[in-house]
Amino acid sequence: MASATELKKHVISKNADGFFSDVHKIFLFIIKFFREAVAPPYEFRELVNQCYQVGYKSLFIISVTSFITGIVFTAHSRPELEDFGAASWLPSISGVAIMKALAPLITALICAGKSGSHIGAELGSMKVTEQIDAMEVSAVNPFKFLVVTRVLATTFMIPLLMLYSSLIGLIGSYTDVFTEDQSSFPVFIHNAFARIGYAEAISSILRSVVFGFTIGIVGCYKGLTTTNGTEGVGKAANSAVVTSMLLIFLEEMVIVKLFVPLYVQR
């Protein structure tokens, strides 16, 4: 048990004080991001490079997982709908589920594991090898060059990847429908989008923007606060993934609760 002298060193407890200290540091980190993002000069070339790293290099794994998810979701939904004589609703249900729920989450979680861990490990490695200090000596603003470009890249590219994931997921769903019902693709797409309105589309895009910003901020923060050499780099990459995924699920819950009244009123 901690002594009374040890307890007096902390406002609440060691862990609680550390948690609120991290929240305060991340809040200041986000404020610094917005201040550096709007101030010139702008690192357009590095931003394009990071968009390529986040977007293009994630296409293959998102294509595979989205296609399989579309097939599996449709195959699991079919028996339940057939029991109620509502198999014709399968395209509509698949479209709503993929666009509203599955595509944003699948895209965000994959990018958190791939891009978030890469950013954390890359910046952590640069931090422990003192490359970031060398950039400052060379009159390069490391925060603007490393952090702003990576956060903007994840914020821009993940909504685009989400729309791509939705399309591939619908193709996977249609593949399962075609093997059972021989339905035409135009009819399937028409029925799939029949129940998707502006509120659902805006909600999905907004969530993807928030998820992308979260992945970029967490990855950069974990990377720049890396300590303890190569061991710390691994911990930074792992912590970036775990923290990003936890925040994504919390943000998903909050945003869905905010948009549910819009769905009901439509």
C-alpha atoms as a PDB file:
ATOM      1  CA  MET A   1       0.000   0.000   0.000  1.00  0.00           C
ATOM      2  CA  ALA A   2       1.290   3.457  -0.894  1.00  0.00           C
ATOM      3  CA  SER A   3       2.373   5.594   2.008  1.00  0.00           C
ATOM      4  CA  ALA A   4       0.709   8.917   2.882  1.00  0.00           C
ATOM      5  CA  THR A   5       3.821  10.778   1.666  1.00  0.00           C
ATOM      6  CA  GLU A   6       3.617   9.039  -1.733  1.00  0.00           C
ATOM      7  CA  LEU A   7      -0.096   9.810  -2.077  1.00  0.00           C
ATOM      8  CA  LYS A   8       0.537  13.507  -1.432  1.00  0.00           C
ATOM      9  CA  LYS A   9       2.739  13.625  -4.553  1.00  0.00           C
ATOM     10  CA  HIS A  10      -0.354  13.070  -6.749  1.00  0.00           C
ATOM     11  CA  VAL A  11      -3.611  15.009  -7.019  1.00  0.00           C
ATOM     12  CA  ILE A  12      -5.749  11.865  -7.409  1.00  0.00           C
ATOM     13  CA  SER A  13      -3.434   8.875  -7.982  1.00  0.00           C
ATOM     14  CA  LYS A  14      -0.381   8.140 -10.119  1.00  0.00           C
ATOM     15  CA  ASN A  15      -2.383   6.513 -12.944  1.00  0.00           C
ATOM     16  CA  ALA A  16      -5.209   9.076 -12.875  1.00  0.00           C
ATOM     17  CA  ASP A  17      -2.772  11.997 -12.864  1.00  0.00           C
ATOM     18  CA  GLY A  18      -0.882  10.425 -15.768  1.00  0.00           C
ATOM     19  CA  PHE A  19      -4.110   9.972 -17.761  1.00  0.00           C
ATOM     20  CA  PHE A  20      -5.228  13.601 -17.344  1.00  0.00           C
ATOM     21  CA  SER A  21      -1.688  14.796 -18.072  1.00  0.00           C
ATOM     22  CA  ASP A  22      -1.728  12.862 -21.376  1.00  0.00           C
ATOM     23  CA  VAL A  23      -5.168  14.282 -22.260  1.00  0.00           C
ATOM     24  CA  HIS A  24      -3.847  17.804 -21.642  1.00  0.00           C
ATOM     25  CA  LYS A  25      -0.740  17.179 -23.771  1.00  0.00           C
ATOM     26  CA  ILE A  26      -2.801  15.746 -26.656  1.00  0.00           C
ATOM     27  CA  PHE A  27      -5.146  18.736 -26.471  1.00  0.00           C
ATOM     28  CA  LEU A  28      -2.155  21.103 -26.796  1.00  0.00           C
ATOM     29  CA  PHE A  29      -0.808  18.876 -29.598  1.00  0.00           C
ATOM     30  CA  ILE A  30      -4.099  19.280 -31.541  1.00  0.00           C
ATOM     31  CA  ILE A  31      -4.083  23.067 -31.050  1.00  0.00           C
ATOM     32  CA  LYS A  32      -0.503  23.210 -32.356  1.00  0.00           C
ATOM     33  CA  PHE A  33      -1.551  21.117 -35.379  1.00  0.00           C
ATOM     34  CA  PHE A  34      -4.277  23.593 -36.407  1.00  0.00           C
ATOM     35  CA  ARG A  35      -1.928  26.556 -35.848  1.00  0.00           C
ATOM     36  CA  GLU A  36       0.813  25.003 -38.003  1.00  0.00           C
ATOM     37  CA  ALA A  37      -1.652  23.717 -40.643  1.00  0.00           C
ATOM     38  CA  VAL A  38      -2.967  27.190 -41.550  1.00  0.00           C
ATOM     39  CA  ALA A  39       0.367  29.024 -41.365  1.00  0.00           C
ATOM     40  CA  PRO A  40       2.610  29.102 -44.485  1.00  0.00           C
ATOM     41  CA  PRO A  41       4.765  27.631 -45.895  1.00  0.00           C
ATOM     42  CA  TYR A  42       2.831  24.543 -46.977  1.00  0.00           C
ATOM     43  CA  GLU A  43       4.474  21.185 -47.623  1.00  0.00           C
ATOM     44  CA  PHE A  44       2.377  20.165 -50.672  1.00  0.00           C
ATOM     45  CA  ARG A  45       4.900  17.665 -52.045  1.00  0.00           C
ATOM     46  CA  GLU A  46       5.158  15.791 -48.752  1.00  0.00           C
ATOM     47  CA  LEU A  47       1.355  15.917 -48.390  1.00  0.00           C
ATOM     48  CA  VAL A  48       0.915  14.249 -51.785  1.00  0.00           C
ATOM     49  CA  ASN A  49       3.512  11.645 -50.817  1.00  0.00           C
ATOM     50  CA  GLN A  50       1.665  10.871 -47.577  1.00  0.00           C
ATOM     51  CA  CYS A  51      -1.696  10.672 -49.404  1.00  0.00           C
ATOM     52  CA  TYR A  52      -0.071   8.080 -51.666  1.00  0.00           C
ATOM     53  CA  GLN A  53       1.250   6.162 -48.644  1.00  0.00           C
ATOM     54  CA  VAL A  54      -2.108   6.174 -46.841  1.00  0.00           C
ATOM     55  CA  GLY A  55      -4.430   5.818 -49.821  1.00  0.00           C
ATOM     56  CA  TYR A  56      -2.872   3.879 -52.655  1.00  0.00           C
ATOM     57  CA  LYS A  57      -0.928   1.432 -50.478  1.00  0.00           C
ATOM     58  CA  SER A  58      -4.102   0.528 -48.553  1.00  0.00           C
ATOM     59  CA  LEU A  59      -6.206  -0.269 -51.640  1.00  0.00           C
ATOM     60  CA  PHE A  60      -5.353  -3.964 -51.851  1.00  0.00           C
ATOM     61  CA  ILE A  61      -6.115  -4.916 -48.246  1.00  0.00           C
ATOM     62  CA  ILE A  62      -9.272  -2.774 -48.194  1.00  0.00           C
ATOM     63  CA  SER A  63     -10.426  -4.332 -51.474  1.00  0.00           C
ATOM     64  CA  VAL A  64     -10.010  -7.874 -50.155  1.00  0.00           C
ATOM     65  CA  THR A  65     -11.593  -7.276 -46.732  1.00  0.00           C
ATOM     66  CA  SER A  66     -14.504  -5.218 -48.125  1.00  0.00           C
ATOM     67  CA  PHE A  67     -15.310  -7.800 -50.819  1.00  0.00           C
ATOM     68  CA  ILE A  68     -15.269 -10.664 -48.306  1.00  0.00           C
ATOM     69  CA  THR A  69     -17.317  -8.654 -45.803  1.00  0.00           C
ATOM     70  CA  GLY A  70     -19.989  -8.002 -48.445  1.00  0.00           C
ATOM     71  CA  ILE A  71     -20.237 -11.705 -49.292  1.00  0.00           C
ATOM     72  CA  VAL A  72     -20.266 -12.876 -45.667  1.00  0.00           C
ATOM     73  CA  PHE A  73     -22.833 -10.296 -44.512  1.00  0.00           C
ATOM     74  CA  THR A  74     -25.209 -11.169 -47.361  1.00  0.00           C
ATOM     75  CA  ALA A  75     -24.773 -14.911 -46.876  1.00  0.00           C
ATOM     76  CA  HIS A  76     -25.515 -14.612 -43.148  1.00  0.00           C
ATOM     77  CA  SER A  77     -28.528 -12.321 -43.680  1.00  0.00           C
ATOM     78  CA  ARG A  78     -30.216 -14.430 -46.382  1.00  0.00           C
ATOM     79  CA  PRO A  79     -31.542 -17.339 -44.218  1.00  0.00           C
ATOM     80  CA  GLU A  80     -33.070 -14.970 -41.642  1.00  0.00           C
ATOM     81  CA  LEU A  81     -34.816 -12.884 -44.330  1.00  0.00           C
ATOM     82  CA  GLU A  82     -36.052 -15.989 -46.174  1.00  0.00           C
ATOM     83  CA  ASP A  83     -37.687 -17.215 -42.943  1.00  0.00           C
ATOM     84  CA  PHE A  84     -39.810 -14.045 -42.960  1.00  0.00           C
ATOM     85  CA  GLY A  85     -40.375 -14.084 -46.757  1.00  0.00           C
ATOM     86  CA  ALA A  86     -38.339 -10.886 -47.131  1.00  0.00           C
ATOM     87  CA  ALA A  87     -35.432 -12.122 -49.269  1.00  0.00           C
ATOM     88  CA  SER A  88     -36.193  -9.360 -51.808  1.00  0.00           C
ATOM     89  CA  TRP A  89     -35.072  -6.843 -49.169  1.00  0.00           C
ATOM     90  CA  LEU A  90     -31.547  -8.268 -49.201  1.00  0.00           C
ATOM     91  CA  PRO A  91     -30.025  -5.609 -51.551  1.00  0.00           C
ATOM     92  CA  SER A  92     -31.534  -2.747 -49.518  1.00  0.00           C
ATOM     93  CA  ILE A  93     -30.389  -4.171 -46.196  1.00  0.00           C
ATOM     94  CA  SER A  94     -26.911  -4.893 -47.537  1.00  0.00           C
ATOM     95  CA  GLY A  95     -26.615  -1.382 -48.988  1.00  0.00           C
ATOM     96  CA  VAL A  96     -27.664   0.325 -45.771  1.00  0.00           C
ATOM     97  CA  ALA A  97     -25.491  -1.887 -43.554  1.00  0.00           C
ATOM     98  CA  ILE A  98     -22.383  -1.545 -45.727  1.00  0.00           C
ATOM     99  CA  MET A  99     -22.675   2.199 -46.327  1.00  0.00           C
ATOM    100  CA  LYS A 100     -23.787   3.199 -42.818  1.00  0.00           C
ATOM    101  CA  ALA A 101     -21.829   0.855 -40.586  1.00  0.00           C
ATOM    102  CA  LEU A 102     -19.453  -1.648 -42.129  1.00  0.00           C
ATOM    103  CA  ALA A 103     -17.465   0.439 -44.643  1.00  0.00           C
ATOM    104  CA  PRO A 104     -16.556   3.319 -42.266  1.00  0.00           C
ATOM    105  CA  LEU A 105     -15.500   0.943 -39.491  1.00  0.00           C
ATOM    106  CA  ILE A 106     -13.634  -1.517 -41.712  1.00  0.00           C
ATOM    107  CA  THR A 107     -11.729   1.287 -43.436  1.00  0.00           C
ATOM    108  CA  ALA A 108     -10.854   3.045 -40.181  1.00  0.00           C
ATOM    109  CA  LEU A 109      -9.732  -0.105 -38.360  1.00  0.00           C
ATOM    110  CA  ILE A 110      -7.585  -1.290 -41.257  1.00  0.00           C
ATOM    111  CA  CYS A 111      -5.966   2.141 -41.624  1.00  0.00           C
ATOM    112  CA  ALA A 112      -5.418   2.336 -37.854  1.00  0.00           C
ATOM    113  CA  GLY A 113      -3.552  -0.968 -38.009  1.00  0.00           C
ATOM    114  CA  LYS A 114      -1.618  -0.189 -41.179  1.00  0.00           C
ATOM    115  CA  SER A 115      -1.121   3.585 -41.446  1.00  0.00           C
ATOM    116  CA  GLY A 116      -1.388   4.403 -37.709  1.00  0.00           C
ATOM    117  CA  SER A 117       1.253   1.866 -36.724  1.00  0.00           C
ATOM    118  CA  HIS A 118       3.468   2.945 -39.641  1.00  0.00           C
ATOM    119  CA  ILE A 119       3.279   6.605 -38.618  1.00  0.00           C
ATOM    120  CA  GLY A 120       3.996   5.789 -34.957  1.00  0.00           C
ATOM    121  CA  ALA A 121       6.963   3.570 -35.807  1.00  0.00           C
ATOM    122  CA  GLU A 122       8.359   5.947 -38.452  1.00  0.00           C
ATOM    123  CA  LEU A 123       8.265   9.062 -36.259  1.00  0.00           C
ATOM    124  CA  GLY A 124       9.371   7.081 -33.201  1.00  0.00           C
ATOM    125  CA  SER A 125      12.397   5.800 -35.079  1.00  0.00           C
ATOM    126  CA  MET A 126      13.233   9.329 -36.238  1.00  0.00           C
ATOM    127  CA  LYS A 127      12.866  10.580 -32.667  1.00  0.00           C
ATOM    128  CA  VAL A 128      15.199   8.045 -31.020  1.00  0.00           C
ATOM    129  CA  THR A 129      17.829   8.415 -33.784  1.00  0.00           C
ATOM    130  CA  GLU A 130      17.704  12.213 -33.365  1.00  0.00           C
ATOM    131  CA  GLN A 131      16.718  12.793 -37.018  1.00  0.00           C
ATOM    132  CA  ILE A 132      14.019  15.216 -35.870  1.00  0.00           C
ATOM    133  CA  ASP A 133      16.623  17.264 -33.993  1.00  0.00           C
ATOM    134  CA  ALA A 134      18.720  17.313 -37.180  1.00  0.00           C
ATOM    135  CA  MET A 135      15.727  18.689 -39.119  1.00  0.00           C
ATOM    136  CA  GLU A 136      15.435  21.579 -36.663  1.00  0.00           C
ATOM    137  CA  VAL A 137      19.139  22.334 -37.086  1.00  0.00           C
ATOM    138  CA  SER A 138      18.588  22.362 -40.872  1.00  0.00           C
ATOM    139  CA  ALA A 139      15.897  25.050 -40.485  1.00  0.00           C
ATOM    140  CA  VAL A 140      13.096  22.585 -41.350  1.00  0.00           C
ATOM    141  CA  ASN A 141       9.971  22.749 -39.208  1.00  0.00           C
ATOM    142  CA  PRO A 142       9.584  19.050 -38.230  1.00  0.00           C
ATOM    143  CA  PHE A 143       6.055  19.496 -36.878  1.00  0.00           C
ATOM    144  CA  LYS A 144       4.807  21.035 -40.133  1.00  0.00           C
ATOM    145  CA  PHE A 145       6.739  18.588 -42.350  1.00  0.00           C
ATOM    146  CA  LEU A 146       6.064  15.393 -40.379  1.00  0.00           C
ATOM    147  CA  VAL A 147       2.868  15.891 -38.381  1.00  0.00           C
ATOM    148  CA  VAL A 148       0.709  18.282 -40.438  1.00  0.00           C
ATOM    149  CA  THR A 149       1.212  16.371 -43.681  1.00  0.00           C
ATOM    150  CA  ARG A 150       0.473  12.963 -42.128  1.00  0.00           C
ATOM    151  CA  VAL A 151      -2.627  14.101 -40.233  1.00  0.00           C
ATOM    152  CA  LEU A 152      -4.024  15.859 -43.315  1.00  0.00           C
ATOM    153  CA  ALA A 153      -3.284  12.788 -45.441  1.00  0.00           C
ATOM    154  CA  THR A 154      -5.215  10.428 -43.148  1.00  0.00           C
ATOM    155  CA  THR A 155      -8.053  12.964 -42.815  1.00  0.00           C
ATOM    156  CA  PHE A 156      -8.366  13.364 -46.603  1.00  0.00           C
ATOM    157  CA  MET A 157      -7.802   9.801 -47.732  1.00  0.00           C
ATOM    158  CA  ILE A 158      -9.841   7.707 -45.290  1.00  0.00           C
ATOM    159  CA  PRO A 159     -13.219   9.182 -46.447  1.00  0.00           C
ATOM    160  CA  LEU A 160     -12.208   8.371 -50.040  1.00  0.00           C
ATOM    161  CA  LEU A 161     -11.167   4.871 -49.009  1.00  0.00           C
ATOM    162  CA  MET A 162     -14.497   4.491 -47.195  1.00  0.00           C
ATOM    163  CA  LEU A 163     -16.447   5.270 -50.393  1.00  0.00           C
ATOM    164  CA  TYR A 164     -14.244   2.812 -52.282  1.00  0.00           C
ATOM    165  CA  SER A 165     -14.811   0.198 -49.556  1.00  0.00           C
ATOM    166  CA  SER A 166     -18.583   0.713 -49.867  1.00  0.00           C
ATOM    167  CA  LEU A 167     -18.469   0.062 -53.607  1.00  0.00           C
ATOM    168  CA  ILE A 168     -16.333  -3.070 -53.236  1.00  0.00           C
ATOM    169  CA  GLY A 169     -18.537  -4.299 -50.383  1.00  0.00           C
ATOM    170  CA  LEU A 170     -21.631  -3.912 -52.573  1.00  0.00           C
ATOM    171  CA  ILE A 171     -19.918  -5.831 -55.372  1.00  0.00           C
ATOM    172  CA  GLY A 172     -19.180  -8.615 -52.887  1.00  0.00           C
ATOM    173  CA  SER A 173     -22.808  -8.561 -51.751  1.00  0.00           C
ATOM    174  CA  TYR A 174     -24.009  -8.696 -55.355  1.00  0.00           C
ATOM    175  CA  THR A 175     -21.734 -11.674 -55.992  1.00  0.00           C
ATOM    176  CA  ASP A 176     -23.595 -13.640 -53.344  1.00  0.00           C
ATOM    177  CA  VAL A 177     -27.006 -12.409 -54.574  1.00  0.00           C
ATOM    178  CA  PHE A 178     -26.181 -13.305 -58.187  1.00  0.00           C
ATOM    179  CA  THR A 179     -25.165 -16.864 -57.307  1.00  0.00           C
ATOM    180  CA  GLU A 180     -28.539 -17.436 -55.606  1.00  0.00           C
ATOM    181  CA  ASP A 181     -31.039 -15.232 -57.471  1.00  0.00           C
ATOM    182  CA  GLN A 182     -29.408 -14.374 -60.830  1.00  0.00           C
ATOM    183  CA  SER A 183     -30.408 -10.737 -60.233  1.00  0.00           C
ATOM    184  CA  SER A 184     -29.007  -8.069 -62.578  1.00  0.00           C
ATOM    185  CA  PHE A 185     -26.411  -5.636 -61.239  1.00  0.00           C
ATOM    186  CA  PRO A 186     -28.358  -2.412 -62.145  1.00  0.00           C
ATOM    187  CA  VAL A 187     -31.444  -3.704 -60.272  1.00  0.00           C
ATOM    188  CA  PHE A 188     -29.296  -4.661 -57.279  1.00  0.00           C
ATOM    189  CA  ILE A 189     -27.609  -1.242 -57.149  1.00  0.00           C
ATOM    190  CA  HIS A 190     -30.963   0.566 -57.504  1.00  0.00           C
ATOM    191  CA  ASN A 191     -32.421  -1.406 -54.593  1.00  0.00           C
ATOM    192  CA  ALA A 192     -29.222  -1.050 -52.529  1.00  0.00           C
ATOM    193  CA  PHE A 193     -29.296   2.767 -52.729  1.00  0.00           C
ATOM    194  CA  ALA A 194     -33.078   3.044 -52.370  1.00  0.00           C
ATOM    195  CA  ARG A 195     -32.824   3.325 -48.568  1.00  0.00           C
ATOM    196  CA  ILE A 196     -29.660   5.461 -48.434  1.00  0.00           C
ATOM    197  CA  GLY A 197     -30.363   9.174 -48.078  1.00  0.00           C
ATOM    198  CA  TYR A 198     -28.288  12.298 -47.578  1.00  0.00           C
ATOM    199  CA  ALA A 199     -28.231  11.822 -43.781  1.00  0.00           C
ATOM    200  CA  GLU A 200     -26.690   8.358 -44.064  1.00  0.00           C
ATOM    201  CA  ALA A 201     -24.108   9.495 -46.629  1.00  0.00           C
ATOM    202  CA  ILE A 202     -23.132  12.605 -44.654  1.00  0.00           C
ATOM    203  CA  SER A 203     -22.934  10.595 -41.443  1.00  0.00           C
ATOM    204  CA  SER A 204     -20.582   8.041 -43.023  1.00  0.00           C
ATOM    205  CA  ILE A 205     -18.329  10.706 -44.561  1.00  0.00           C
ATOM    206  CA  LEU A 206     -18.248  12.743 -41.336  1.00  0.00           C
ATOM    207  CA  ARG A 207     -17.335   9.683 -39.300  1.00  0.00           C
ATOM    208  CA  SER A 208     -14.556   8.809 -41.743  1.00  0.00           C
ATOM    209  CA  VAL A 209     -13.132  12.335 -41.499  1.00  0.00           C
ATOM    210  CA  VAL A 210     -13.125  12.097 -37.689  1.00  0.00           C
ATOM    211  CA  PHE A 211     -11.595   8.607 -37.781  1.00  0.00           C
ATOM    212  CA  GLY A 212      -8.877   9.751 -40.187  1.00  0.00           C
ATOM    213  CA  PHE A 213      -7.998  12.771 -38.073  1.00  0.00           C
ATOM    214  CA  THR A 214      -7.860  10.575 -34.970  1.00  0.00           C
ATOM    215  CA  ILE A 215      -5.554   8.020 -36.593  1.00  0.00           C
ATOM    216  CA  GLY A 216      -3.180  10.735 -37.793  1.00  0.00           C
ATOM    217  CA  ILE A 217      -3.071  12.639 -34.500  1.00  0.00           C
ATOM    218  CA  VAL A 218      -2.611   9.534 -32.345  1.00  0.00           C
ATOM    219  CA  GLY A 219       0.064   8.053 -34.625  1.00  0.00           C
ATOM    220  CA  CYS A 220       2.077  11.295 -34.726  1.00  0.00           C
ATOM    221  CA  TYR A 221       1.718  11.965 -30.992  1.00  0.00           C
ATOM    222  CA  LYS A 222       2.822   8.451 -30.042  1.00  0.00           C
ATOM    223  CA  GLY A 223       5.744   8.659 -32.459  1.00  0.00           C
ATOM    224  CA  LEU A 224       7.016  12.032 -31.264  1.00  0.00           C
ATOM    225  CA  THR A 225       6.785  11.030 -27.588  1.00  0.00           C
ATOM    226  CA  THR A 226       8.790   7.823 -28.083  1.00  0.00           C
ATOM    227  CA  THR A 227      11.520   7.047 -25.546  1.00  0.00           C
ATOM    228  CA  ASN A 228      13.770   4.078 -24.648  1.00  0.00           C
ATOM    229  CA  GLY A 229      15.320   3.433 -28.060  1.00  0.00           C
ATOM    230  CA  THR A 230      14.168   0.625 -30.359  1.00  0.00           C
ATOM    231  CA  GLU A 231      12.036  -0.941 -27.630  1.00  0.00           C
ATOM    232  CA  GLY A 232      10.137   2.327 -27.372  1.00  0.00           C
ATOM    233  CA  VAL A 233       9.541   2.401 -31.144  1.00  0.00           C
ATOM    234  CA  GLY A 234       7.706  -0.909 -30.982  1.00  0.00           C
ATOM    235  CA  LYS A 235       5.663   0.258 -28.018  1.00  0.00           C
ATOM    236  CA  ALA A 236       4.799   3.513 -29.829  1.00  0.00           C
ATOM    237  CA  ALA A 237       3.525   1.634 -32.902  1.00  0.00           C
ATOM    238  CA  ASN A 238       1.492  -0.779 -30.780  1.00  0.00           C
ATOM    239  CA  SER A 239       0.096   2.007 -28.603  1.00  0.00           C
ATOM    240  CA  ALA A 240      -0.878   4.030 -31.692  1.00  0.00           C
ATOM    241  CA  VAL A 241      -2.968   1.126 -33.018  1.00  0.00           C
ATOM    242  CA  VAL A 242      -4.643   0.259 -29.700  1.00  0.00           C
ATOM    243  CA  THR A 243      -5.429   3.881 -28.807  1.00  0.00           C
ATOM    244  CA  SER A 244      -6.726   4.699 -32.299  1.00  0.00           C
ATOM    245  CA  MET A 245      -9.046   1.669 -32.367  1.00  0.00           C
ATOM    246  CA  LEU A 246     -10.419   2.451 -28.906  1.00  0.00           C
ATOM    247  CA  LEU A 247     -11.091   6.078 -29.856  1.00  0.00           C
ATOM    248  CA  ILE A 248     -12.675   5.015 -33.169  1.00  0.00           C
ATOM    249  CA  PHE A 249     -15.227   2.851 -31.366  1.00  0.00           C
ATOM    250  CA  LEU A 250     -15.981   5.630 -28.858  1.00  0.00           C
ATOM    251  CA  GLU A 251     -16.395   8.185 -31.667  1.00  0.00           C
ATOM    252  CA  GLU A 252     -18.566   5.730 -33.609  1.00  0.00           C
ATOM    253  CA  MET A 253     -20.915   5.430 -30.637  1.00  0.00           C
ATOM    254  CA  VAL A 254     -21.165   9.203 -30.124  1.00  0.00           C
ATOM    255  CA  ILE A 255     -21.687  10.094 -33.803  1.00  0.00           C
ATOM    256  CA  VAL A 256     -24.273   7.354 -34.364  1.00  0.00           C
ATOM    257  CA  LYS A 257     -26.226   8.602 -31.362  1.00  0.00           C
ATOM    258  CA  LEU A 258     -26.154  12.125 -32.808  1.00  0.00           C
ATOM    259  CA  PHE A 259     -27.384  11.029 -36.258  1.00  0.00           C
ATOM    260  CA  VAL A 260     -30.014   8.460 -35.194  1.00  0.00           C
ATOM    261  CA  PRO A 261     -32.696  11.178 -34.751  1.00  0.00           C
ATOM    262  CA  LEU A 262     -32.089  12.247 -38.382  1.00  0.00           C
ATOM    263  CA  TYR A 263     -32.680   8.698 -39.590  1.00  0.00           C
ATOM    264  CA  VAL A 264     -35.914   8.446 -37.609  1.00  0.00           C
ATOM    265  CA  GLN A 265     -37.263  11.775 -38.870  1.00  0.00           C
ATOM    266  CA  ARG A 266     -36.521  10.957 -42.513  1.00  0.00           C
END
